[in-house]
Amino acid sequence: MAGESTSEIVEQYGDRRAVLARVPREWTLLHDVAWPGRPAGTIDHVAIGPTGVFVLTAGSCVAEAVAATDAVSALVPGLRREGFRAVLVGPDHPAPWVEVDGVIHCEPVDLARLLRSCPRVLTSEEVAGVVGVVHVGLERAERARRTAATVEVIAVPPQVAVAGRRRRLRGRRAV
């Protein structure tokens, strides 16, 4: 399961549209977003609504789920950490869900019920503000990822750069 995205798991174990259709309308879902601070990383999904910000990660790696949630929570310093929840989504998690060491383990089909069942921590205005701040932060992370990929592609191998510099220096000495 480690290499599968939440989308693949939902498609394999239930119709993705049916699962997402159950998510309340006041929620904003962001899919396959850049991981702030990890240019090569992506976060499967971020769900933002009245019961908080849920960072959804496929698989079973608790450390990765916590790190992704910490990265997203750093984008909204004004919101207490309790407003953010790490969620591991996968077919092998107990139904409906269980929380272990601050990480919720949930099956895809139970996701909408999980989002609705938690206590409200944000007003409608706060949800809108958090969505805006998180969206801007994730866009910046995406731009940083693209920039890092571009630099990697156009970077000159060190031995070529050094050899070119030596030739120029020799040319100057000869003059």
N, C-alpha and C. Protein backbone atom coordinates (compact mmCIF):
# COMPACT_ATOMS: atom_id res chain seq x y z
N MET A 1 0.80 -1.21 0.00
CA MET A 1 0.00 0.00 0.00
C MET A 1 0.84 1.27 0.00
N ALA A 2 2.11 1.19 0.37
CA ALA A 2 2.90 2.39 0.60
C ALA A 2 2.96 3.32 -0.60
N GLY A 3 3.00 2.79 -1.83
CA GLY A 3 3.15 3.64 -2.99
C GLY A 3 1.84 4.16 -3.56
N GLU A 4 0.71 3.75 -2.99
CA GLU A 4 -0.58 4.15 -3.54
C GLU A 4 -1.02 5.49 -2.98
N SER A 5 -1.66 6.28 -3.83
CA SER A 5 -2.23 7.53 -3.37
C SER A 5 -3.61 7.25 -2.80
N THR A 6 -4.15 8.20 -2.04
CA THR A 6 -5.49 8.04 -1.49
C THR A 6 -6.48 7.80 -2.63
N SER A 7 -6.31 8.50 -3.74
CA SER A 7 -7.21 8.35 -4.88
C SER A 7 -7.22 6.91 -5.37
N GLU A 8 -6.03 6.30 -5.50
CA GLU A 8 -5.96 4.92 -5.96
C GLU A 8 -6.64 3.98 -4.98
N ILE A 9 -6.44 4.23 -3.69
CA ILE A 9 -7.06 3.37 -2.68
C ILE A 9 -8.57 3.50 -2.73
N VAL A 10 -9.08 4.73 -2.85
CA VAL A 10 -10.52 4.94 -2.92
C VAL A 10 -11.09 4.26 -4.16
N GLU A 11 -10.40 4.39 -5.29
CA GLU A 11 -10.89 3.76 -6.52
C GLU A 11 -10.86 2.25 -6.41
N GLN A 12 -9.89 1.71 -5.69
CA GLN A 12 -9.78 0.27 -5.55
C GLN A 12 -10.82 -0.27 -4.58
N TYR A 13 -11.11 0.47 -3.53
CA TYR A 13 -11.99 -0.05 -2.49
C TYR A 13 -13.33 0.67 -2.40
N GLY A 14 -13.64 1.52 -3.33
CA GLY A 14 -14.92 2.22 -3.36
C GLY A 14 -14.87 3.33 -4.38
N ASP A 15 -16.00 3.70 -4.91
CA ASP A 15 -16.07 4.74 -5.93
C ASP A 15 -15.66 6.08 -5.33
N ARG A 16 -14.60 6.67 -5.89
CA ARG A 16 -14.07 7.93 -5.37
C ARG A 16 -15.12 9.03 -5.37
N ARG A 17 -15.88 9.13 -6.46
CA ARG A 17 -16.91 10.17 -6.53
C ARG A 17 -17.94 10.00 -5.43
N ALA A 18 -18.29 8.76 -5.14
CA ALA A 18 -19.27 8.51 -4.08
C ALA A 18 -18.71 8.92 -2.72
N VAL A 19 -17.44 8.63 -2.50
CA VAL A 19 -16.80 9.01 -1.23
C VAL A 19 -16.74 10.53 -1.12
N LEU A 20 -16.27 11.21 -2.17
CA LEU A 20 -16.13 12.66 -2.13
C LEU A 20 -17.49 13.36 -2.11
N ALA A 21 -18.51 12.74 -2.70
CA ALA A 21 -19.85 13.34 -2.69
C ALA A 21 -20.43 13.40 -1.28
N ARG A 22 -19.95 12.53 -0.41
CA ARG A 22 -20.43 12.53 0.98
C ARG A 22 -19.79 13.62 1.83
N VAL A 23 -18.70 14.20 1.34
CA VAL A 23 -18.03 15.27 2.09
C VAL A 23 -18.94 16.49 2.08
N PRO A 24 -19.23 17.06 3.24
CA PRO A 24 -20.12 18.22 3.32
C PRO A 24 -19.66 19.38 2.43
N ARG A 25 -20.61 20.16 1.93
CA ARG A 25 -20.31 21.26 1.01
C ARG A 25 -19.46 22.36 1.61
N GLU A 26 -19.52 22.52 2.92
CA GLU A 26 -18.72 23.60 3.53
C GLU A 26 -17.24 23.25 3.63
N TRP A 27 -16.87 22.12 3.11
CA TRP A 27 -15.48 21.68 3.12
C TRP A 27 -14.78 22.02 1.82
N THR A 28 -13.49 22.35 1.93
CA THR A 28 -12.64 22.54 0.76
C THR A 28 -11.64 21.40 0.74
N LEU A 29 -11.55 20.72 -0.40
CA LEU A 29 -10.60 19.62 -0.56
C LEU A 29 -9.52 20.02 -1.56
N LEU A 30 -8.28 19.91 -1.16
CA LEU A 30 -7.14 20.18 -2.04
C LEU A 30 -6.46 18.83 -2.30
N HIS A 31 -6.18 18.53 -3.56
CA HIS A 31 -5.66 17.22 -3.93
C HIS A 31 -4.24 17.30 -4.48
N ASP A 32 -3.42 16.32 -4.09
CA ASP A 32 -2.05 16.19 -4.60
C ASP A 32 -1.32 17.53 -4.60
N VAL A 33 -1.13 18.07 -3.42
CA VAL A 33 -0.51 19.40 -3.28
C VAL A 33 0.97 19.26 -2.94
N ALA A 34 1.73 20.29 -3.26
CA ALA A 34 3.16 20.31 -2.94
C ALA A 34 3.35 20.31 -1.43
N TRP A 35 4.37 19.62 -0.99
CA TRP A 35 4.69 19.51 0.44
C TRP A 35 5.62 20.65 0.80
N PRO A 36 5.17 21.61 1.60
CA PRO A 36 6.05 22.73 1.98
C PRO A 36 7.32 22.22 2.67
N GLY A 37 8.46 22.66 2.16
CA GLY A 37 9.74 22.26 2.75
C GLY A 37 10.34 21.00 2.16
N ARG A 38 9.59 20.30 1.32
CA ARG A 38 10.09 19.10 0.65
C ARG A 38 9.83 19.25 -0.85
N PRO A 39 10.78 19.79 -1.57
CA PRO A 39 10.56 20.08 -2.99
C PRO A 39 10.08 18.88 -3.81
N ALA A 40 10.49 17.68 -3.46
CA ALA A 40 10.08 16.51 -4.24
C ALA A 40 8.83 15.84 -3.68
N GLY A 41 8.31 16.32 -2.55
CA GLY A 41 7.20 15.64 -1.89
C GLY A 41 5.84 16.20 -2.25
N THR A 42 4.84 15.35 -2.13
CA THR A 42 3.45 15.78 -2.29
C THR A 42 2.62 15.24 -1.13
N ILE A 43 1.58 15.98 -0.82
CA ILE A 43 0.62 15.57 0.19
C ILE A 43 -0.63 15.15 -0.56
N ASP A 44 -1.16 13.98 -0.22
CA ASP A 44 -2.29 13.43 -0.97
C ASP A 44 -3.49 14.38 -0.99
N HIS A 45 -3.98 14.76 0.18
CA HIS A 45 -5.16 15.62 0.25
C HIS A 45 -5.11 16.47 1.51
N VAL A 46 -5.70 17.66 1.42
CA VAL A 46 -5.91 18.51 2.60
C VAL A 46 -7.38 18.88 2.58
N ALA A 47 -8.09 18.57 3.66
CA ALA A 47 -9.51 18.90 3.79
C ALA A 47 -9.65 19.97 4.86
N ILE A 48 -10.32 21.08 4.50
CA ILE A 48 -10.46 22.20 5.43
C ILE A 48 -11.95 22.48 5.61
N GLY A 49 -12.39 22.49 6.87
CA GLY A 49 -13.80 22.73 7.16
C GLY A 49 -14.00 23.12 8.61
N PRO A 50 -15.25 23.15 9.05
CA PRO A 50 -15.57 23.62 10.40
C PRO A 50 -14.92 22.82 11.53
N THR A 51 -14.62 21.55 11.28
CA THR A 51 -14.01 20.75 12.35
C THR A 51 -12.48 20.74 12.28
N GLY A 52 -11.91 21.57 11.39
CA GLY A 52 -10.47 21.73 11.36
C GLY A 52 -9.85 21.47 10.01
N VAL A 53 -8.53 21.30 10.03
CA VAL A 53 -7.75 21.02 8.83
C VAL A 53 -7.26 19.58 8.96
N PHE A 54 -7.67 18.74 8.02
CA PHE A 54 -7.31 17.33 8.03
C PHE A 54 -6.32 17.08 6.89
N VAL A 55 -5.15 16.60 7.24
CA VAL A 55 -4.13 16.28 6.25
C VAL A 55 -4.19 14.77 6.03
N LEU A 56 -4.62 14.38 4.82
CA LEU A 56 -4.90 12.98 4.52
C LEU A 56 -3.72 12.36 3.77
N THR A 57 -3.21 11.28 4.33
CA THR A 57 -2.07 10.59 3.75
C THR A 57 -2.44 9.13 3.54
N ALA A 58 -2.13 8.59 2.37
CA ALA A 58 -2.40 7.18 2.09
C ALA A 58 -1.35 6.31 2.77
N GLY A 59 -1.77 5.11 3.15
CA GLY A 59 -0.82 4.15 3.68
C GLY A 59 -0.84 4.03 5.18
N SER A 60 0.34 3.72 5.74
CA SER A 60 0.40 3.43 7.16
C SER A 60 1.59 4.07 7.87
N CYS A 61 2.28 5.01 7.24
CA CYS A 61 3.46 5.63 7.85
C CYS A 61 3.04 6.80 8.75
N VAL A 62 3.02 6.55 10.05
CA VAL A 62 2.61 7.56 11.03
C VAL A 62 3.53 8.78 10.98
N ALA A 63 4.83 8.55 10.89
CA ALA A 63 5.79 9.66 10.88
C ALA A 63 5.54 10.58 9.69
N GLU A 64 5.24 10.01 8.53
CA GLU A 64 4.98 10.82 7.34
C GLU A 64 3.69 11.63 7.51
N ALA A 65 2.67 11.02 8.08
CA ALA A 65 1.41 11.72 8.31
C ALA A 65 1.60 12.90 9.26
N VAL A 66 2.36 12.69 10.32
CA VAL A 66 2.63 13.76 11.29
C VAL A 66 3.47 14.87 10.64
N ALA A 67 4.50 14.49 9.88
CA ALA A 67 5.35 15.49 9.22
C ALA A 67 4.56 16.32 8.22
N ALA A 68 3.67 15.69 7.45
CA ALA A 68 2.85 16.42 6.48
C ALA A 68 1.92 17.39 7.21
N THR A 69 1.34 16.95 8.30
CA THR A 69 0.44 17.81 9.08
C THR A 69 1.20 18.97 9.69
N ASP A 70 2.40 18.72 10.19
CA ASP A 70 3.23 19.80 10.74
C ASP A 70 3.57 20.82 9.66
N ALA A 71 3.87 20.35 8.45
CA ALA A 71 4.21 21.26 7.35
C ALA A 71 3.02 22.15 6.99
N VAL A 72 1.82 21.57 6.94
CA VAL A 72 0.63 22.36 6.62
C VAL A 72 0.30 23.30 7.78
N SER A 73 0.43 22.83 9.02
CA SER A 73 0.10 23.69 10.16
C SER A 73 1.05 24.88 10.26
N ALA A 74 2.29 24.73 9.78
CA ALA A 74 3.24 25.85 9.80
C ALA A 74 2.79 26.99 8.88
N LEU A 75 1.92 26.68 7.91
CA LEU A 75 1.41 27.71 7.01
C LEU A 75 0.41 28.63 7.69
N VAL A 76 -0.18 28.17 8.80
CA VAL A 76 -1.22 28.93 9.51
C VAL A 76 -0.80 29.07 10.97
N PRO A 77 0.17 29.94 11.25
CA PRO A 77 0.68 30.03 12.62
C PRO A 77 -0.35 30.52 13.63
N GLY A 78 -1.39 31.21 13.17
CA GLY A 78 -2.41 31.71 14.09
C GLY A 78 -3.40 30.67 14.57
N LEU A 79 -3.41 29.50 13.94
CA LEU A 79 -4.34 28.43 14.32
C LEU A 79 -3.61 27.43 15.20
N ARG A 80 -4.20 27.13 16.35
CA ARG A 80 -3.58 26.18 17.28
C ARG A 80 -3.39 24.81 16.60
N ARG A 81 -2.39 24.08 17.01
CA ARG A 81 -2.08 22.75 16.44
C ARG A 81 -3.28 21.80 16.59
N GLU A 82 -4.12 22.01 17.59
CA GLU A 82 -5.28 21.15 17.79
C GLU A 82 -6.28 21.27 16.64
N GLY A 83 -6.18 22.35 15.88
CA GLY A 83 -7.06 22.53 14.73
C GLY A 83 -6.64 21.70 13.53
N PHE A 84 -5.48 21.04 13.62
CA PHE A 84 -4.96 20.22 12.53
C PHE A 84 -4.97 18.76 12.95
N ARG A 85 -5.35 17.89 12.02
CA ARG A 85 -5.39 16.46 12.32
C ARG A 85 -4.71 15.67 11.22
N ALA A 86 -3.84 14.79 11.63
CA ALA A 86 -3.19 13.87 10.68
C ALA A 86 -4.10 12.66 10.52
N VAL A 87 -4.35 12.28 9.27
CA VAL A 87 -5.22 11.14 9.00
C VAL A 87 -4.53 10.20 8.01
N LEU A 88 -4.37 8.95 8.42
CA LEU A 88 -3.89 7.91 7.51
C LEU A 88 -5.13 7.24 6.92
N VAL A 89 -5.21 7.23 5.60
CA VAL A 89 -6.37 6.66 4.92
C VAL A 89 -5.94 5.40 4.19
N GLY A 90 -6.65 4.32 4.46
CA GLY A 90 -6.34 3.06 3.79
C GLY A 90 -7.36 1.99 4.10
N PRO A 91 -7.40 0.97 3.29
CA PRO A 91 -8.41 -0.07 3.45
C PRO A 91 -8.19 -0.98 4.65
N ASP A 92 -6.99 -1.01 5.19
CA ASP A 92 -6.70 -1.92 6.29
C ASP A 92 -6.88 -1.29 7.67
N HIS A 93 -7.37 -0.06 7.71
CA HIS A 93 -7.54 0.61 9.00
C HIS A 93 -8.87 0.20 9.62
N PRO A 94 -8.94 0.22 10.96
CA PRO A 94 -10.17 -0.22 11.63
C PRO A 94 -11.36 0.68 11.29
N ALA A 95 -12.51 0.07 11.13
CA ALA A 95 -13.73 0.84 10.85
C ALA A 95 -14.40 1.19 12.16
N PRO A 96 -15.01 2.33 12.33
CA PRO A 96 -14.97 3.40 11.36
C PRO A 96 -13.62 4.12 11.36
N TRP A 97 -12.99 4.32 12.52
CA TRP A 97 -11.64 4.89 12.61
C TRP A 97 -11.16 4.78 14.04
N VAL A 98 -9.86 4.97 14.22
CA VAL A 98 -9.27 4.95 15.55
C VAL A 98 -8.14 5.98 15.55
N GLU A 99 -7.91 6.61 16.70
CA GLU A 99 -6.82 7.57 16.83
C GLU A 99 -5.74 6.97 17.70
N VAL A 100 -4.52 6.91 17.16
CA VAL A 100 -3.38 6.35 17.89
C VAL A 100 -2.25 7.36 17.81
N ASP A 101 -1.74 7.78 18.96
CA ASP A 101 -0.63 8.73 19.03
C ASP A 101 -0.89 9.99 18.22
N GLY A 102 -2.11 10.49 18.27
CA GLY A 102 -2.45 11.73 17.60
C GLY A 102 -2.70 11.62 16.11
N VAL A 103 -2.70 10.40 15.57
CA VAL A 103 -2.97 10.18 14.14
C VAL A 103 -4.23 9.33 14.02
N ILE A 104 -5.17 9.80 13.19
CA ILE A 104 -6.41 9.08 12.96
C ILE A 104 -6.19 8.08 11.82
N HIS A 105 -6.58 6.84 12.03
CA HIS A 105 -6.51 5.80 11.01
C HIS A 105 -7.94 5.55 10.54
N CYS A 106 -8.18 5.69 9.23
CA CYS A 106 -9.54 5.69 8.71
C CYS A 106 -9.61 5.01 7.35
N GLU A 107 -10.72 4.32 7.09
CA GLU A 107 -10.98 3.80 5.76
C GLU A 107 -11.59 4.90 4.90
N PRO A 108 -11.35 4.88 3.58
CA PRO A 108 -11.89 5.93 2.70
C PRO A 108 -13.40 6.12 2.82
N VAL A 109 -14.13 5.03 2.95
CA VAL A 109 -15.59 5.14 2.99
C VAL A 109 -16.10 5.82 4.26
N ASP A 110 -15.26 5.90 5.30
CA ASP A 110 -15.66 6.53 6.55
C ASP A 110 -15.18 7.98 6.67
N LEU A 111 -14.50 8.48 5.64
CA LEU A 111 -13.90 9.80 5.71
C LEU A 111 -14.92 10.92 5.95
N ALA A 112 -16.00 10.95 5.19
CA ALA A 112 -17.00 12.01 5.34
C ALA A 112 -17.59 12.00 6.73
N ARG A 113 -17.87 10.83 7.26
CA ARG A 113 -18.43 10.72 8.61
C ARG A 113 -17.42 11.22 9.65
N LEU A 114 -16.15 10.92 9.44
CA LEU A 114 -15.09 11.41 10.33
C LEU A 114 -15.08 12.93 10.34
N LEU A 115 -15.09 13.54 9.15
CA LEU A 115 -15.04 15.00 9.06
C LEU A 115 -16.22 15.65 9.78
N ARG A 116 -17.40 15.05 9.67
CA ARG A 116 -18.60 15.61 10.31
C ARG A 116 -18.63 15.38 11.82
N SER A 117 -18.00 14.30 12.29
CA SER A 117 -18.17 13.89 13.69
C SER A 117 -17.29 14.64 14.68
N CYS A 118 -16.21 15.22 14.23
CA CYS A 118 -15.30 15.92 15.14
C CYS A 118 -15.93 17.23 15.60
N PRO A 119 -15.53 17.72 16.77
CA PRO A 119 -16.09 18.98 17.26
C PRO A 119 -15.68 20.16 16.38
N ARG A 120 -16.57 21.10 16.23
CA ARG A 120 -16.29 22.31 15.44
C ARG A 120 -15.23 23.14 16.14
N VAL A 121 -14.26 23.59 15.35
CA VAL A 121 -13.20 24.45 15.89
C VAL A 121 -13.06 25.75 15.10
N LEU A 122 -13.75 25.83 13.95
CA LEU A 122 -13.64 27.01 13.09
C LEU A 122 -15.03 27.52 12.70
N THR A 123 -15.18 28.84 12.67
CA THR A 123 -16.40 29.44 12.14
C THR A 123 -16.30 29.45 10.62
N SER A 124 -17.39 29.79 9.93
CA SER A 124 -17.37 29.86 8.46
C SER A 124 -16.33 30.87 7.98
N GLU A 125 -16.23 32.00 8.67
CA GLU A 125 -15.25 33.02 8.29
C GLU A 125 -13.82 32.52 8.50
N GLU A 126 -13.60 31.81 9.59
CA GLU A 126 -12.27 31.27 9.86
C GLU A 126 -11.90 30.20 8.82
N VAL A 127 -12.88 29.38 8.43
CA VAL A 127 -12.62 28.37 7.40
C VAL A 127 -12.15 29.06 6.12
N ALA A 128 -12.86 30.10 5.70
CA ALA A 128 -12.49 30.84 4.49
C ALA A 128 -11.07 31.41 4.61
N GLY A 129 -10.75 31.97 5.76
CA GLY A 129 -9.42 32.54 5.96
C GLY A 129 -8.34 31.48 5.93
N VAL A 130 -8.58 30.35 6.58
CA VAL A 130 -7.60 29.26 6.60
C VAL A 130 -7.42 28.69 5.20
N VAL A 131 -8.52 28.53 4.45
CA VAL A 131 -8.42 28.04 3.08
C VAL A 131 -7.52 28.96 2.27
N GLY A 132 -7.72 30.27 2.38
CA GLY A 132 -6.91 31.23 1.64
C GLY A 132 -5.44 31.15 2.00
N VAL A 133 -5.15 31.11 3.29
CA VAL A 133 -3.75 31.07 3.75
C VAL A 133 -3.07 29.77 3.33
N VAL A 134 -3.77 28.64 3.52
CA VAL A 134 -3.19 27.35 3.15
C VAL A 134 -2.98 27.28 1.64
N HIS A 135 -3.97 27.75 0.88
CA HIS A 135 -3.86 27.72 -0.57
C HIS A 135 -2.64 28.52 -1.05
N VAL A 136 -2.45 29.71 -0.51
CA VAL A 136 -1.30 30.54 -0.90
C VAL A 136 0.01 29.84 -0.51
N GLY A 137 0.07 29.30 0.69
CA GLY A 137 1.28 28.60 1.13
C GLY A 137 1.61 27.40 0.28
N LEU A 138 0.58 26.65 -0.11
CA LEU A 138 0.81 25.47 -0.95
C LEU A 138 1.20 25.87 -2.37
N GLU A 139 0.66 26.98 -2.86
CA GLU A 139 1.07 27.48 -4.18
C GLU A 139 2.54 27.88 -4.16
N ARG A 140 2.98 28.51 -3.08
CA ARG A 140 4.40 28.87 -2.95
C ARG A 140 5.27 27.61 -2.94
N ALA A 141 4.81 26.59 -2.24
CA ALA A 141 5.56 25.33 -2.19
C ALA A 141 5.63 24.71 -3.58
N GLU A 142 4.54 24.80 -4.35
CA GLU A 142 4.53 24.27 -5.71
C GLU A 142 5.51 25.04 -6.60
N ARG A 143 5.53 26.37 -6.48
CA ARG A 143 6.50 27.17 -7.25
C ARG A 143 7.93 26.81 -6.88
N ALA A 144 8.18 26.60 -5.59
CA ALA A 144 9.52 26.22 -5.13
C ALA A 144 9.90 24.86 -5.71
N ARG A 145 8.94 23.94 -5.76
CA ARG A 145 9.20 22.62 -6.32
C ARG A 145 9.55 22.73 -7.80
N ARG A 146 8.79 23.54 -8.55
CA ARG A 146 9.07 23.72 -9.98
C ARG A 146 10.43 24.37 -10.19
N THR A 147 10.75 25.36 -9.36
CA THR A 147 12.05 26.04 -9.47
C THR A 147 13.18 25.06 -9.19
N ALA A 148 13.03 24.24 -8.17
CA ALA A 148 14.06 23.25 -7.84
C ALA A 148 14.23 22.26 -8.99
N ALA A 149 13.14 21.85 -9.60
CA ALA A 149 13.22 20.91 -10.73
C ALA A 149 13.90 21.57 -11.92
N THR A 150 13.62 22.84 -12.17
CA THR A 150 14.24 23.56 -13.29
C THR A 150 15.73 23.72 -13.06
N VAL A 151 16.12 24.10 -11.86
CA VAL A 151 17.54 24.27 -11.53
C VAL A 151 18.26 22.94 -11.70
N GLU A 152 17.62 21.86 -11.29
CA GLU A 152 18.23 20.54 -11.40
C GLU A 152 18.46 20.18 -12.87
N VAL A 153 17.53 20.52 -13.73
CA VAL A 153 17.63 20.19 -15.15
C VAL A 153 18.73 20.99 -15.83
N ILE A 154 18.86 22.28 -15.51
CA ILE A 154 19.81 23.13 -16.22
C ILE A 154 21.16 23.24 -15.52
N ALA A 155 21.32 22.58 -14.39
CA ALA A 155 22.59 22.66 -13.67
C ALA A 155 23.71 22.05 -14.50
N VAL A 156 24.86 22.69 -14.50
CA VAL A 156 26.03 22.21 -15.22
C VAL A 156 26.80 21.29 -14.30
N PRO A 157 27.16 20.10 -14.76
CA PRO A 157 27.93 19.19 -13.91
C PRO A 157 29.21 19.88 -13.43
N PRO A 158 29.61 19.67 -12.18
CA PRO A 158 30.77 20.37 -11.60
C PRO A 158 32.05 20.18 -12.40
N GLN A 159 32.34 19.00 -12.94
CA GLN A 159 33.59 18.79 -13.66
C GLN A 159 33.63 19.63 -14.94
N VAL A 160 32.48 19.83 -15.60
CA VAL A 160 32.44 20.66 -16.80
C VAL A 160 32.69 22.11 -16.44
N ALA A 161 32.05 22.58 -15.36
CA ALA A 161 32.21 23.97 -14.94
C ALA A 161 33.66 24.24 -14.57
N VAL A 162 34.30 23.33 -13.85
CA VAL A 162 35.69 23.51 -13.44
C VAL A 162 36.60 23.49 -14.65
N ALA A 163 36.38 22.56 -15.58
CA ALA A 163 37.22 22.48 -16.78
C ALA A 163 37.11 23.76 -17.60
N GLY A 164 35.92 24.29 -17.75
CA GLY A 164 35.72 25.54 -18.49
C GLY A 164 36.44 26.69 -17.84
N ARG A 165 36.42 26.76 -16.53
CA ARG A 165 37.10 27.83 -15.79
C ARG A 165 38.60 27.74 -15.98
N ARG A 166 39.16 26.54 -15.98
CA ARG A 166 40.60 26.36 -16.16
C ARG A 166 41.03 26.85 -17.54
N ARG A 167 40.23 26.55 -18.55
CA ARG A 167 40.57 26.99 -19.90
C ARG A 167 40.61 28.50 -19.97
N ARG A 168 39.63 29.15 -19.35
CA ARG A 168 39.62 30.62 -19.39
C ARG A 168 40.82 31.19 -18.66
N LEU A 169 41.18 30.61 -17.52
CA LEU A 169 42.33 31.09 -16.78
C LEU A 169 43.62 30.91 -17.57
N ARG A 170 43.75 29.78 -18.23
CA ARG A 170 44.95 29.56 -19.05
C ARG A 170 45.02 30.59 -20.17
N GLY A 171 43.90 30.88 -20.77
CA GLY A 171 43.84 31.85 -21.84
C GLY A 171 44.30 33.21 -21.37
N ARG A 172 43.96 33.59 -20.16
CA ARG A 172 44.35 34.90 -19.63
C ARG A 172 45.85 34.95 -19.36
N ARG A 173 46.40 33.85 -18.88
CA ARG A 173 47.83 33.82 -18.59
C ARG A 173 48.64 33.94 -19.89
N ALA A 174 48.12 33.36 -20.92
CA ALA A 174 48.85 33.36 -22.18
C ALA A 174 48.89 34.76 -22.79
N VAL A 175 47.92 35.60 -22.44
CA VAL A 175 47.86 36.93 -23.06
C VAL A 175 48.91 37.84 -22.50
